[in-house]
PDB file of N, CA and C in Angstrom:
ATOM      1  N   MET A   1      20.814 -42.955 -17.055  1.00  0.00           N
ATOM      2  CA  MET A   1      20.242 -41.674 -17.409  1.00  0.00           C
ATOM      3  C   MET A   1      18.885 -41.495 -16.723  1.00  0.00           C
ATOM      4  N   MET A   2      18.155 -42.580 -16.621  1.00  0.00           N
ATOM      5  CA  MET A   2      16.839 -42.489 -16.045  1.00  0.00           C
ATOM      6  C   MET A   2      16.888 -42.230 -14.538  1.00  0.00           C
ATOM      7  N   TYR A   3      17.968 -42.640 -13.886  1.00  0.00           N
ATOM      8  CA  TYR A   3      18.083 -42.488 -12.440  1.00  0.00           C
ATOM      9  C   TYR A   3      18.960 -41.303 -12.043  1.00  0.00           C
ATOM     10  N   ALA A   4      19.229 -40.420 -12.955  1.00  0.00           N
ATOM     11  CA  ALA A   4      20.104 -39.282 -12.665  1.00  0.00           C
ATOM     12  C   ALA A   4      19.465 -38.341 -11.646  1.00  0.00           C
ATOM     13  N   HIS A   5      18.148 -38.186 -11.689  1.00  0.00           N
ATOM     14  CA  HIS A   5      17.482 -37.283 -10.746  1.00  0.00           C
ATOM     15  C   HIS A   5      17.483 -37.849  -9.319  1.00  0.00           C
ATOM     16  N   LEU A   6      17.648 -39.165  -9.162  1.00  0.00           N
ATOM     17  CA  LEU A   6      17.674 -39.754  -7.834  1.00  0.00           C
ATOM     18  C   LEU A   6      18.972 -39.449  -7.095  1.00  0.00           C
ATOM     19  N   LYS A   7      20.039 -39.178  -7.817  1.00  0.00           N
ATOM     20  CA  LYS A   7      21.312 -38.872  -7.180  1.00  0.00           C
ATOM     21  C   LYS A   7      21.271 -37.499  -6.507  1.00  0.00           C
ATOM     22  N   LYS A   8      20.422 -36.613  -6.954  1.00  0.00           N
ATOM     23  CA  LYS A   8      20.331 -35.267  -6.395  1.00  0.00           C
ATOM     24  C   LYS A   8      19.423 -35.211  -5.164  1.00  0.00           C
ATOM     25  N   ARG A   9      18.556 -36.159  -4.983  1.00  0.00           N
ATOM     26  CA  ARG A   9      17.591 -36.127  -3.882  1.00  0.00           C
ATOM     27  C   ARG A   9      18.233 -36.188  -2.505  1.00  0.00           C
ATOM     28  N   PRO A  10      19.187 -37.095  -2.232  1.00  0.00           N
ATOM     29  CA  PRO A  10      19.767 -37.115  -0.873  1.00  0.00           C
ATOM     30  C   PRO A  10      20.423 -35.791  -0.500  1.00  0.00           C
ATOM     31  N   LEU A  11      21.058 -35.143  -1.452  1.00  0.00           N
ATOM     32  CA  LEU A  11      21.685 -33.865  -1.161  1.00  0.00           C
ATOM     33  C   LEU A  11      20.631 -32.799  -0.857  1.00  0.00           C
ATOM     34  N   ALA A  12      19.529 -32.804  -1.586  1.00  0.00           N
ATOM     35  CA  ALA A  12      18.456 -31.846  -1.335  1.00  0.00           C
ATOM     36  C   ALA A  12      17.796 -32.115   0.011  1.00  0.00           C
ATOM     37  N   LEU A  13      17.570 -33.373   0.339  1.00  0.00           N
ATOM     38  CA  LEU A  13      16.970 -33.710   1.629  1.00  0.00           C
ATOM     39  C   LEU A  13      17.908 -33.334   2.775  1.00  0.00           C
ATOM     40  N   LEU A  14      19.194 -33.530   2.591  1.00  0.00           N
ATOM     41  CA  LEU A  14      20.155 -33.154   3.611  1.00  0.00           C
ATOM     42  C   LEU A  14      20.160 -31.638   3.818  1.00  0.00           C
ATOM     43  N   GLY A  15      20.042 -30.879   2.742  1.00  0.00           N
ATOM     44  CA  GLY A  15      19.976 -29.420   2.845  1.00  0.00           C
ATOM     45  C   GLY A  15      18.715 -28.958   3.561  1.00  0.00           C
ATOM     46  N   LEU A  16      17.564 -29.555   3.246  1.00  0.00           N
ATOM     47  CA  LEU A  16      16.317 -29.203   3.925  1.00  0.00           C
ATOM     48  C   LEU A  16      16.364 -29.582   5.402  1.00  0.00           C
ATOM     49  N   LEU A  17      16.953 -30.712   5.711  1.00  0.00           N
ATOM     50  CA  LEU A  17      17.082 -31.120   7.103  1.00  0.00           C
ATOM     51  C   LEU A  17      17.981 -30.146   7.865  1.00  0.00           C
ATOM     52  N   GLY A  18      19.057 -29.713   7.226  1.00  0.00           N
ATOM     53  CA  GLY A  18      19.944 -28.734   7.862  1.00  0.00           C
ATOM     54  C   GLY A  18      19.244 -27.417   8.117  1.00  0.00           C
ATOM     55  N   LEU A  19      18.393 -26.978   7.193  1.00  0.00           N
ATOM     56  CA  LEU A  19      17.645 -25.737   7.392  1.00  0.00           C
ATOM     57  C   LEU A  19      16.595 -25.876   8.495  1.00  0.00           C
ATOM     58  N   ALA A  20      15.957 -27.028   8.563  1.00  0.00           N
ATOM     59  CA  ALA A  20      14.906 -27.227   9.558  1.00  0.00           C
ATOM     60  C   ALA A  20      15.457 -27.345  10.978  1.00  0.00           C
ATOM     61  N   LEU A  21      16.655 -27.836  11.107  1.00  0.00           N
ATOM     62  CA  LEU A  21      17.218 -28.056  12.437  1.00  0.00           C
ATOM     63  C   LEU A  21      18.064 -26.893  12.943  1.00  0.00           C
ATOM     64  N   ASN A  22      18.026 -25.773  12.291  1.00  0.00           N
ATOM     65  CA  ASN A  22      18.826 -24.617  12.696  1.00  0.00           C
ATOM     66  C   ASN A  22      17.964 -23.664  13.516  1.00  0.00           C
ATOM     67  N   PRO A  23      17.904 -23.810  14.861  1.00  0.00           N
ATOM     68  CA  PRO A  23      17.014 -22.988  15.683  1.00  0.00           C
ATOM     69  C   PRO A  23      17.338 -21.498  15.703  1.00  0.00           C
ATOM     70  N   PRO A  24      18.595 -21.043  15.614  1.00  0.00           N
ATOM     71  CA  PRO A  24      18.821 -19.590  15.632  1.00  0.00           C
ATOM     72  C   PRO A  24      18.156 -18.853  14.470  1.00  0.00           C
ATOM     73  N   VAL A  25      17.970 -19.523  13.353  1.00  0.00           N
ATOM     74  CA  VAL A  25      17.303 -18.886  12.219  1.00  0.00           C
ATOM     75  C   VAL A  25      15.849 -18.596  12.571  1.00  0.00           C
ATOM     76  N   TRP A  26      15.195 -19.533  13.225  1.00  0.00           N
ATOM     77  CA  TRP A  26      13.794 -19.337  13.582  1.00  0.00           C
ATOM     78  C   TRP A  26      13.648 -18.321  14.717  1.00  0.00           C
ATOM     79  N   ALA A  27      14.628 -18.254  15.606  1.00  0.00           N
ATOM     80  CA  ALA A  27      14.539 -17.351  16.745  1.00  0.00           C
ATOM     81  C   ALA A  27      14.732 -15.898  16.355  1.00  0.00           C
ATOM     82  N   ALA A  28      15.316 -15.616  15.192  1.00  0.00           N
ATOM     83  CA  ALA A  28      15.620 -14.245  14.788  1.00  0.00           C
ATOM     84  C   ALA A  28      14.459 -13.576  14.065  1.00  0.00           C
ATOM     85  N   LEU A  29      13.321 -14.229  13.956  1.00  0.00           N
ATOM     86  CA  LEU A  29      12.190 -13.620  13.264  1.00  0.00           C
ATOM     87  C   LEU A  29      11.636 -12.461  14.093  1.00  0.00           C
ATOM     88  N   PRO A  30      11.277 -11.352  13.449  1.00  0.00           N
ATOM     89  CA  PRO A  30      10.738 -10.219  14.209  1.00  0.00           C
ATOM     90  C   PRO A  30       9.311 -10.498  14.671  1.00  0.00           C
ATOM     91  N   THR A  31       8.915  -9.817  15.728  1.00  0.00           N
ATOM     92  CA  THR A  31       7.536  -9.954  16.193  1.00  0.00           C
ATOM     93  C   THR A  31       6.639  -9.078  15.328  1.00  0.00           C
ATOM     94  N   PRO A  32       5.422  -9.512  15.042  1.00  0.00           N
ATOM     95  CA  PRO A  32       4.536  -8.699  14.214  1.00  0.00           C
ATOM     96  C   PRO A  32       4.097  -7.432  14.943  1.00  0.00           C
ATOM     97  N   VAL A  33       3.851  -6.410  14.189  1.00  0.00           N
ATOM     98  CA  VAL A  33       3.410  -5.137  14.747  1.00  0.00           C
ATOM     99  C   VAL A  33       1.918  -5.227  15.030  1.00  0.00           C
ATOM    100  N   ALA A  34       1.529  -4.828  16.212  1.00  0.00           N
ATOM    101  CA  ALA A  34       0.112  -4.866  16.591  1.00  0.00           C
ATOM    102  C   ALA A  34      -0.638  -3.757  15.850  1.00  0.00           C
ATOM    103  N   PRO A  35      -1.918  -3.957  15.548  1.00  0.00           N
ATOM    104  CA  PRO A  35      -2.684  -2.907  14.894  1.00  0.00           C
ATOM    105  C   PRO A  35      -2.882  -1.703  15.806  1.00  0.00           C
ATOM    106  N   SER A  36      -3.313  -0.611  15.226  1.00  0.00           N
ATOM    107  CA  SER A  36      -3.436   0.641  15.974  1.00  0.00           C
ATOM    108  C   SER A  36      -4.540   0.600  17.037  1.00  0.00           C
ATOM    109  N   THR A  37      -5.474  -0.349  16.932  1.00  0.00           N
ATOM    110  CA  THR A  37      -6.556  -0.429  17.912  1.00  0.00           C
ATOM    111  C   THR A  37      -6.116  -1.113  19.206  1.00  0.00           C
ATOM    112  N   ALA A  38      -4.990  -1.816  19.193  1.00  0.00           N
ATOM    113  CA  ALA A  38      -4.420  -2.498  20.354  1.00  0.00           C
ATOM    114  C   ALA A  38      -5.443  -3.374  21.076  1.00  0.00           C
ATOM    115  N   PRO A  39      -5.853  -4.497  20.448  1.00  0.00           N
ATOM    116  CA  PRO A  39      -6.816  -5.380  21.120  1.00  0.00           C
ATOM    117  C   PRO A  39      -6.172  -6.102  22.298  1.00  0.00           C
ATOM    118  N   ALA A  40      -7.001  -6.658  23.144  1.00  0.00           N
ATOM    119  CA  ALA A  40      -6.521  -7.399  24.315  1.00  0.00           C
ATOM    120  C   ALA A  40      -5.811  -8.669  23.868  1.00  0.00           C
ATOM    121  N   ALA A  41      -4.954  -9.184  24.707  1.00  0.00           N
ATOM    122  CA  ALA A  41      -4.218 -10.407  24.387  1.00  0.00           C
ATOM    123  C   ALA A  41      -5.193 -11.570  24.222  1.00  0.00           C
ATOM    124  N   GLY A  42      -5.041 -12.297  23.149  1.00  0.00           N
ATOM    125  CA  GLY A  42      -5.902 -13.444  22.880  1.00  0.00           C
ATOM    126  C   GLY A  42      -7.175 -13.106  22.130  1.00  0.00           C
ATOM    127  N   ASP A  43      -7.427 -11.847  21.861  1.00  0.00           N
ATOM    128  CA  ASP A  43      -8.629 -11.439  21.124  1.00  0.00           C
ATOM    129  C   ASP A  43      -8.326 -11.454  19.630  1.00  0.00           C
ATOM    130  N   TRP A  44      -8.521 -12.611  19.011  1.00  0.00           N
ATOM    131  CA  TRP A  44      -8.194 -12.768  17.599  1.00  0.00           C
ATOM    132  C   TRP A  44      -9.122 -11.968  16.708  1.00  0.00           C
ATOM    133  N   ILE A  45     -10.388 -11.886  17.057  1.00  0.00           N
ATOM    134  CA  ILE A  45     -11.335 -11.115  16.248  1.00  0.00           C
ATOM    135  C   ILE A  45     -10.952  -9.638  16.270  1.00  0.00           C
ATOM    136  N   GLY A  46     -10.626  -9.112  17.445  1.00  0.00           N
ATOM    137  CA  GLY A  46     -10.194  -7.724  17.552  1.00  0.00           C
ATOM    138  C   GLY A  46      -8.904  -7.472  16.796  1.00  0.00           C
ATOM    139  N   LEU A  47      -8.002  -8.454  16.813  1.00  0.00           N
ATOM    140  CA  LEU A  47      -6.737  -8.328  16.080  1.00  0.00           C
ATOM    141  C   LEU A  47      -6.983  -8.255  14.580  1.00  0.00           C
ATOM    142  N   ILE A  48      -7.838  -9.129  14.071  1.00  0.00           N
ATOM    143  CA  ILE A  48      -8.154  -9.125  12.636  1.00  0.00           C
ATOM    144  C   ILE A  48      -8.872  -7.836  12.255  1.00  0.00           C
ATOM    145  N   GLN A  49      -9.806  -7.393  13.084  1.00  0.00           N
ATOM    146  CA  GLN A  49     -10.500  -6.137  12.808  1.00  0.00           C
ATOM    147  C   GLN A  49      -9.529  -4.958  12.795  1.00  0.00           C
ATOM    148  N   GLY A  50      -8.559  -4.971  13.692  1.00  0.00           N
ATOM    149  CA  GLY A  50      -7.565  -3.902  13.723  1.00  0.00           C
ATOM    150  C   GLY A  50      -6.718  -3.882  12.465  1.00  0.00           C
ATOM    151  N   TYR A  51      -6.301  -5.058  12.009  1.00  0.00           N
ATOM    152  CA  TYR A  51      -5.519  -5.119  10.773  1.00  0.00           C
ATOM    153  C   TYR A  51      -6.340  -4.687   9.564  1.00  0.00           C
ATOM    154  N   ILE A  52      -7.625  -5.045   9.548  1.00  0.00           N
ATOM    155  CA  ILE A  52      -8.489  -4.622   8.439  1.00  0.00           C
ATOM    156  C   ILE A  52      -8.662  -3.106   8.461  1.00  0.00           C
ATOM    157  N   LYS A  53      -8.816  -2.541   9.666  1.00  0.00           N
ATOM    158  CA  LYS A  53      -8.949  -1.084   9.773  1.00  0.00           C
ATOM    159  C   LYS A  53      -7.684  -0.388   9.290  1.00  0.00           C
ATOM    160  N   ASP A  54      -6.530  -0.878   9.717  1.00  0.00           N
ATOM    161  CA  ASP A  54      -5.275  -0.273   9.279  1.00  0.00           C
ATOM    162  C   ASP A  54      -5.094  -0.420   7.772  1.00  0.00           C
ATOM    163  N   GLY A  55      -5.497  -1.569   7.228  1.00  0.00           N
ATOM    164  CA  GLY A  55      -5.416  -1.760   5.778  1.00  0.00           C
ATOM    165  C   GLY A  55      -6.342  -0.813   5.032  1.00  0.00           C
ATOM    166  N   GLY A  56      -7.530  -0.570   5.589  1.00  0.00           N
ATOM    167  CA  GLY A  56      -8.447   0.383   4.968  1.00  0.00           C
ATOM    168  C   GLY A  56      -7.898   1.796   4.979  1.00  0.00           C
ATOM    169  N   LEU A  57      -7.240   2.164   6.082  1.00  0.00           N
ATOM    170  CA  LEU A  57      -6.637   3.496   6.154  1.00  0.00           C
ATOM    171  C   LEU A  57      -5.506   3.646   5.145  1.00  0.00           C
ATOM    172  N   VAL A  58      -4.699   2.603   4.987  1.00  0.00           N
ATOM    173  CA  VAL A  58      -3.615   2.651   4.001  1.00  0.00           C
ATOM    174  C   VAL A  58      -4.193   2.712   2.591  1.00  0.00           C
ATOM    175  N   LEU A  59      -5.272   1.969   2.343  1.00  0.00           N
ATOM    176  CA  LEU A  59      -5.918   2.030   1.032  1.00  0.00           C
ATOM    177  C   LEU A  59      -6.476   3.420   0.765  1.00  0.00           C
ATOM    178  N   GLY A  60      -7.065   4.046   1.776  1.00  0.00           N
ATOM    179  CA  GLY A  60      -7.557   5.413   1.615  1.00  0.00           C
ATOM    180  C   GLY A  60      -6.441   6.395   1.315  1.00  0.00           C
ATOM    181  N   LEU A  61      -5.309   6.233   1.990  1.00  0.00           N
ATOM    182  CA  LEU A  61      -4.165   7.094   1.696  1.00  0.00           C
ATOM    183  C   LEU A  61      -3.656   6.863   0.276  1.00  0.00           C
ATOM    184  N   ALA A  62      -3.663   5.627  -0.171  1.00  0.00           N
ATOM    185  CA  ALA A  62      -3.228   5.339  -1.537  1.00  0.00           C
ATOM    186  C   ALA A  62      -4.172   5.986  -2.549  1.00  0.00           C
ATOM    187  N   ILE A  63      -5.476   5.958  -2.264  1.00  0.00           N
ATOM    188  CA  ILE A  63      -6.443   6.616  -3.152  1.00  0.00           C
ATOM    189  C   ILE A  63      -6.200   8.119  -3.179  1.00  0.00           C
ATOM    190  N   ALA A  64      -5.901   8.718  -2.029  1.00  0.00           N
ATOM    191  CA  ALA A  64      -5.619  10.147  -1.974  1.00  0.00           C
ATOM    192  C   ALA A  64      -4.359  10.494  -2.763  1.00  0.00           C
ATOM    193  N   VAL A  65      -3.335   9.662  -2.663  1.00  0.00           N
ATOM    194  CA  VAL A  65      -2.106   9.905  -3.425  1.00  0.00           C
ATOM    195  C   VAL A  65      -2.365   9.788  -4.916  1.00  0.00           C
ATOM    196  N   LEU A  66      -3.142   8.790  -5.329  1.00  0.00           N
ATOM    197  CA  LEU A  66      -3.478   8.654  -6.747  1.00  0.00           C
ATOM    198  C   LEU A  66      -4.278   9.852  -7.248  1.00  0.00           C
ATOM    199  N   GLY A  67      -5.192  10.360  -6.420  1.00  0.00           N
ATOM    200  CA  GLY A  67      -5.944  11.563  -6.799  1.00  0.00           C
ATOM    201  C   GLY A  67      -5.035  12.770  -6.957  1.00  0.00           C
ATOM    202  N   PHE A  68      -4.089  12.929  -6.045  1.00  0.00           N
ATOM    203  CA  PHE A  68      -3.143  14.034  -6.150  1.00  0.00           C
ATOM    204  C   PHE A  68      -2.314  13.919  -7.426  1.00  0.00           C
ATOM    205  N   LEU A  69      -1.827  12.709  -7.726  1.00  0.00           N
ATOM    206  CA  LEU A  69      -1.036  12.517  -8.935  1.00  0.00           C
ATOM    207  C   LEU A  69      -1.856  12.765 -10.191  1.00  0.00           C
ATOM    208  N   TRP A  70      -3.130  12.376 -10.171  1.00  0.00           N
ATOM    209  CA  TRP A  70      -4.001  12.589 -11.323  1.00  0.00           C
ATOM    210  C   TRP A  70      -4.214  14.084 -11.563  1.00  0.00           C
ATOM    211  N   VAL A  71      -4.503  14.825 -10.501  1.00  0.00           N
ATOM    212  CA  VAL A  71      -4.706  16.272 -10.636  1.00  0.00           C
ATOM    213  C   VAL A  71      -3.408  16.945 -11.074  1.00  0.00           C
ATOM    214  N   ALA A  72      -2.279  16.519 -10.539  1.00  0.00           N
ATOM    215  CA  ALA A  72      -0.993  17.100 -10.931  1.00  0.00           C
ATOM    216  C   ALA A  72      -0.695  16.817 -12.402  1.00  0.00           C
ATOM    217  N   TYR A  73      -0.985  15.602 -12.865  1.00  0.00           N
ATOM    218  CA  TYR A  73      -0.769  15.267 -14.277  1.00  0.00           C
ATOM    219  C   TYR A  73      -1.642  16.135 -15.180  1.00  0.00           C
ATOM    220  N   LEU A  74      -2.910  16.284 -14.810  1.00  0.00           N
ATOM    221  CA  LEU A  74      -3.802  17.119 -15.617  1.00  0.00           C
ATOM    222  C   LEU A  74      -3.343  18.571 -15.621  1.00  0.00           C
ATOM    223  N   ALA A  75      -2.854  19.056 -14.484  1.00  0.00           N
ATOM    224  CA  ALA A  75      -2.384  20.437 -14.413  1.00  0.00           C
ATOM    225  C   ALA A  75      -1.164  20.639 -15.303  1.00  0.00           C
ATOM    226  N   PHE A  76      -0.229  19.707 -15.268  1.00  0.00           N
ATOM    227  CA  PHE A  76       0.947  19.826 -16.136  1.00  0.00           C
ATOM    228  C   PHE A  76       0.569  19.742 -17.608  1.00  0.00           C
ATOM    229  N   ALA A  77      -0.377  18.858 -17.936  1.00  0.00           N
ATOM    230  CA  ALA A  77      -0.809  18.733 -19.329  1.00  0.00           C
ATOM    231  C   ALA A  77      -1.498  20.021 -19.792  1.00  0.00           C
ATOM    232  N   LYS A  78      -2.357  20.583 -18.950  1.00  0.00           N
ATOM    233  CA  LYS A  78      -3.052  21.821 -19.320  1.00  0.00           C
ATOM    234  C   LYS A  78      -2.062  22.987 -19.402  1.00  0.00           C
ATOM    235  N   PHE A  79      -1.075  23.016 -18.507  1.00  0.00           N
ATOM    236  CA  PHE A  79      -0.048  24.050 -18.562  1.00  0.00           C
ATOM    237  C   PHE A  79       0.730  23.960 -19.874  1.00  0.00           C
ATOM    238  N   ASN A  80       1.063  22.750 -20.288  1.00  0.00           N
ATOM    239  CA  ASN A  80       1.784  22.560 -21.542  1.00  0.00           C
ATOM    240  C   ASN A  80       0.940  22.993 -22.729  1.00  0.00           C
ATOM    241  N   GLU A  81      -0.360  22.680 -22.703  1.00  0.00           N
ATOM    242  CA  GLU A  81      -1.246  23.109 -23.788  1.00  0.00           C
ATOM    243  C   GLU A  81      -1.327  24.636 -23.845  1.00  0.00           C
ATOM    244  N   ALA A  82      -1.403  25.276 -22.691  1.00  0.00           N
ATOM    245  CA  ALA A  82      -1.469  26.742 -22.667  1.00  0.00           C
ATOM    246  C   ALA A  82      -0.160  27.345 -23.146  1.00  0.00           C
ATOM    247  N   ARG A  83       0.944  26.731 -22.810  1.00  0.00           N
ATOM    248  CA  ARG A  83       2.243  27.234 -23.246  1.00  0.00           C
ATOM    249  C   ARG A  83       2.396  27.131 -24.753  1.00  0.00           C
ATOM    250  N   LEU A  84       1.811  26.074 -25.342  1.00  0.00           N
ATOM    251  CA  LEU A  84       1.881  25.898 -26.795  1.00  0.00           C
ATOM    252  C   LEU A  84       0.802  26.680 -27.531  1.00  0.00           C
ATOM    253  N   GLY A  85      -0.113  27.302 -26.823  1.00  0.00           N
ATOM    254  CA  GLY A  85      -1.164  28.086 -27.454  1.00  0.00           C
ATOM    255  C   GLY A  85      -2.403  27.299 -27.804  1.00  0.00           C
ATOM    256  N   LYS A  86      -2.514  26.061 -27.373  1.00  0.00           N
ATOM    257  CA  LYS A  86      -3.689  25.234 -27.667  1.00  0.00           C
ATOM    258  C   LYS A  86      -4.808  25.460 -26.657  1.00  0.00           C
ATOM    259  N   ALA A  87      -4.500  26.045 -25.517  1.00  0.00           N
ATOM    260  CA  ALA A  87      -5.490  26.319 -24.474  1.00  0.00           C
ATOM    261  C   ALA A  87      -5.197  27.694 -23.893  1.00  0.00           C
ATOM    262  N   GLU A  88      -6.185  28.243 -23.206  1.00  0.00           N
ATOM    263  CA  GLU A  88      -6.002  29.557 -22.588  1.00  0.00           C
ATOM    264  C   GLU A  88      -5.476  29.391 -21.166  1.00  0.00           C
ATOM    265  N   TRP A  89      -4.829  30.449 -20.678  1.00  0.00           N
ATOM    266  CA  TRP A  89      -4.259  30.404 -19.345  1.00  0.00           C
ATOM    267  C   TRP A  89      -5.345  30.373 -18.271  1.00  0.00           C
ATOM    268  N   ALA A  90      -6.512  30.863 -18.604  1.00  0.00           N
ATOM    269  CA  ALA A  90      -7.619  30.816 -17.648  1.00  0.00           C
ATOM    270  C   ALA A  90      -8.019  29.368 -17.359  1.00  0.00           C
ATOM    271  N   GLU A  91      -7.885  28.506 -18.350  1.00  0.00           N
ATOM    272  CA  GLU A  91      -8.202  27.092 -18.143  1.00  0.00           C
ATOM    273  C   GLU A  91      -7.235  26.458 -17.139  1.00  0.00           C
ATOM    274  N   VAL A  92      -5.982  26.895 -17.171  1.00  0.00           N
ATOM    275  CA  VAL A  92      -5.007  26.388 -16.199  1.00  0.00           C
ATOM    276  C   VAL A  92      -5.417  26.810 -14.789  1.00  0.00           C
ATOM    277  N   GLY A  93      -5.827  28.062 -14.639  1.00  0.00           N
ATOM    278  CA  GLY A  93      -6.271  28.554 -13.336  1.00  0.00           C
ATOM    279  C   GLY A  93      -7.508  27.834 -12.841  1.00  0.00           C
ATOM    280  N   VAL A  94      -8.475  27.640 -13.735  1.00  0.00           N
ATOM    281  CA  VAL A  94      -9.704  26.929 -13.347  1.00  0.00           C
ATOM    282  C   VAL A  94      -9.389  25.500 -12.942  1.00  0.00           C
ATOM    283  N   LEU A  95      -8.499  24.850 -13.690  1.00  0.00           N
ATOM    284  CA  LEU A  95      -8.128  23.486 -13.349  1.00  0.00           C
ATOM    285  C   LEU A  95      -7.428  23.436 -11.990  1.00  0.00           C
ATOM    286  N   GLY A  96      -6.595  24.420 -11.700  1.00  0.00           N
ATOM    287  CA  GLY A  96      -5.929  24.467 -10.404  1.00  0.00           C
ATOM    288  C   GLY A  96      -6.913  24.628  -9.265  1.00  0.00           C
ATOM    289  N   ILE A  97      -7.888  25.508  -9.444  1.00  0.00           N
ATOM    290  CA  ILE A  97      -8.884  25.735  -8.389  1.00  0.00           C
ATOM    291  C   ILE A  97      -9.771  24.502  -8.209  1.00  0.00           C
ATOM    292  N   VAL A  98     -10.265  23.970  -9.313  1.00  0.00           N
ATOM    293  CA  VAL A  98     -11.140  22.790  -9.241  1.00  0.00           C
ATOM    294  C   VAL A  98     -10.361  21.589  -8.696  1.00  0.00           C
ATOM    295  N   GLY A  99      -9.113  21.430  -9.114  1.00  0.00           N
ATOM    296  CA  GLY A  99      -8.300  20.329  -8.609  1.00  0.00           C
ATOM    297  C   GLY A  99      -8.077  20.441  -7.109  1.00  0.00           C
ATOM    298  N   ALA A 100      -7.829  21.655  -6.625  1.00  0.00           N
ATOM    299  CA  ALA A 100      -7.638  21.855  -5.186  1.00  0.00           C
ATOM    300  C   ALA A 100      -8.914  21.529  -4.424  1.00  0.00           C
ATOM    301  N   VAL A 101     -10.058  21.954  -4.953  1.00  0.00           N
ATOM    302  CA  VAL A 101     -11.335  21.661  -4.295  1.00  0.00           C
ATOM    303  C   VAL A 101     -11.586  20.150  -4.260  1.00  0.00           C
ATOM    304  N   VAL A 102     -11.305  19.472  -5.364  1.00  0.00           N
ATOM    305  CA  VAL A 102     -11.510  18.019  -5.412  1.00  0.00           C
ATOM    306  C   VAL A 102     -10.604  17.323  -4.401  1.00  0.00           C
ATOM    307  N   LEU A 103      -9.343  17.752  -4.306  1.00  0.00           N
ATOM    308  CA  LEU A 103      -8.422  17.117  -3.354  1.00  0.00           C
ATOM    309  C   LEU A 103      -8.832  17.392  -1.908  1.00  0.00           C
ATOM    310  N   ILE A 104      -9.285  18.590  -1.619  1.00  0.00           N
ATOM    311  CA  ILE A 104      -9.744  18.907  -0.260  1.00  0.00           C
ATOM    312  C   ILE A 104     -10.986  18.086   0.088  1.00  0.00           C
ATOM    313  N   PHE A 105     -11.912  17.969  -0.870  1.00  0.00           N
ATOM    314  CA  PHE A 105     -13.126  17.186  -0.635  1.00  0.00           C
ATOM    315  C   PHE A 105     -12.789  15.708  -0.442  1.00  0.00           C
ATOM    316  N   ALA A 106     -11.861  15.175  -1.258  1.00  0.00           N
ATOM    317  CA  ALA A 106     -11.469  13.771  -1.109  1.00  0.00           C
ATOM    318  C   ALA A 106     -10.786  13.544   0.239  1.00  0.00           C
ATOM    319  N   SER A 107      -9.955  14.497   0.665  1.00  0.00           N
ATOM    320  CA  SER A 107      -9.303  14.374   1.973  1.00  0.00           C
ATOM    321  C   SER A 107     -10.331  14.393   3.102  1.00  0.00           C
ATOM    322  N   TYR A 108     -11.340  15.247   2.977  1.00  0.00           N
ATOM    323  CA  TYR A 108     -12.402  15.301   3.980  1.00  0.00           C
ATOM    324  C   TYR A 108     -13.152  13.966   4.043  1.00  0.00           C
ATOM    325  N   LEU A 109     -13.502  13.426   2.882  1.00  0.00           N
ATOM    326  CA  LEU A 109     -14.232  12.160   2.870  1.00  0.00           C
ATOM    327  C   LEU A 109     -13.387  11.022   3.451  1.00  0.00           C
ATOM    328  N   LEU A 110     -12.103  10.995   3.138  1.00  0.00           N
ATOM    329  CA  LEU A 110     -11.248   9.951   3.677  1.00  0.00           C
ATOM    330  C   LEU A 110     -11.070  10.094   5.191  1.00  0.00           C
ATOM    331  N   THR A 111     -11.001  11.327   5.676  1.00  0.00           N
ATOM    332  CA  THR A 111     -10.900  11.558   7.119  1.00  0.00           C
ATOM    333  C   THR A 111     -12.162  11.076   7.821  1.00  0.00           C
ATOM    334  N   GLU A 112     -13.314  11.373   7.258  1.00  0.00           N
ATOM    335  CA  GLU A 112     -14.573  10.916   7.847  1.00  0.00           C
ATOM    336  C   GLU A 112     -14.690   9.389   7.785  1.00  0.00           C
ATOM    337  N   ALA A 113     -14.227   8.791   6.685  1.00  0.00           N
ATOM    338  CA  ALA A 113     -14.290   7.342   6.567  1.00  0.00           C
ATOM    339  C   ALA A 113     -13.367   6.674   7.578  1.00  0.00           C
ATOM    340  N   ALA A 114     -12.227   7.307   7.870  1.00  0.00           N
ATOM    341  CA  ALA A 114     -11.304   6.735   8.856  1.00  0.00           C
ATOM    342  C   ALA A 114     -11.938   6.715  10.243  1.00  0.00           C
ATOM    343  N   GLY A 115     -12.758   7.716  10.553  1.00  0.00           N
ATOM    344  CA  GLY A 115     -13.449   7.727  11.829  1.00  0.00           C
ATOM    345  C   GLY A 115     -14.546   6.679  11.918  1.00  0.00           C
ATOM    346  N   VAL A 116     -15.165   6.363  10.791  1.00  0.00           N
ATOM    347  CA  VAL A 116     -16.247   5.379  10.776  1.00  0.00           C
ATOM    348  C   VAL A 116     -15.688   3.963  10.858  1.00  0.00           C
ATOM    349  N   ILE A 117     -14.584   3.738  10.170  1.00  0.00           N
ATOM    350  CA  ILE A 117     -13.976   2.408  10.175  1.00  0.00           C
ATOM    351  C   ILE A 117     -13.499   2.135  11.562  1.00  0.00           C
TER     352      ILE A 117
END
């Protein structure tokens, strides 16, 4: 009973050896996508900076999407309150205008930040 785990080891080692010695598996890996800045070959610092820049742009887009979803959620909630008579319809209009201004301003700031990065 104490040596039961030893009987499984040769089979596991044989499986790992089979995986390690299979060259077509390693050859089928895709090449990584270069960052949008396209650094020169061998420029590791430029490559890392390019990936950081692309990651920052994706993070900015994610922030913009979250802002849009937040404004949309608030608009639907205010619309529902107005439909039930708990809020006035003017509040829905004001929220729509203010939400649009906030989204336009956030888009402007993200566009400017993308140029700085």
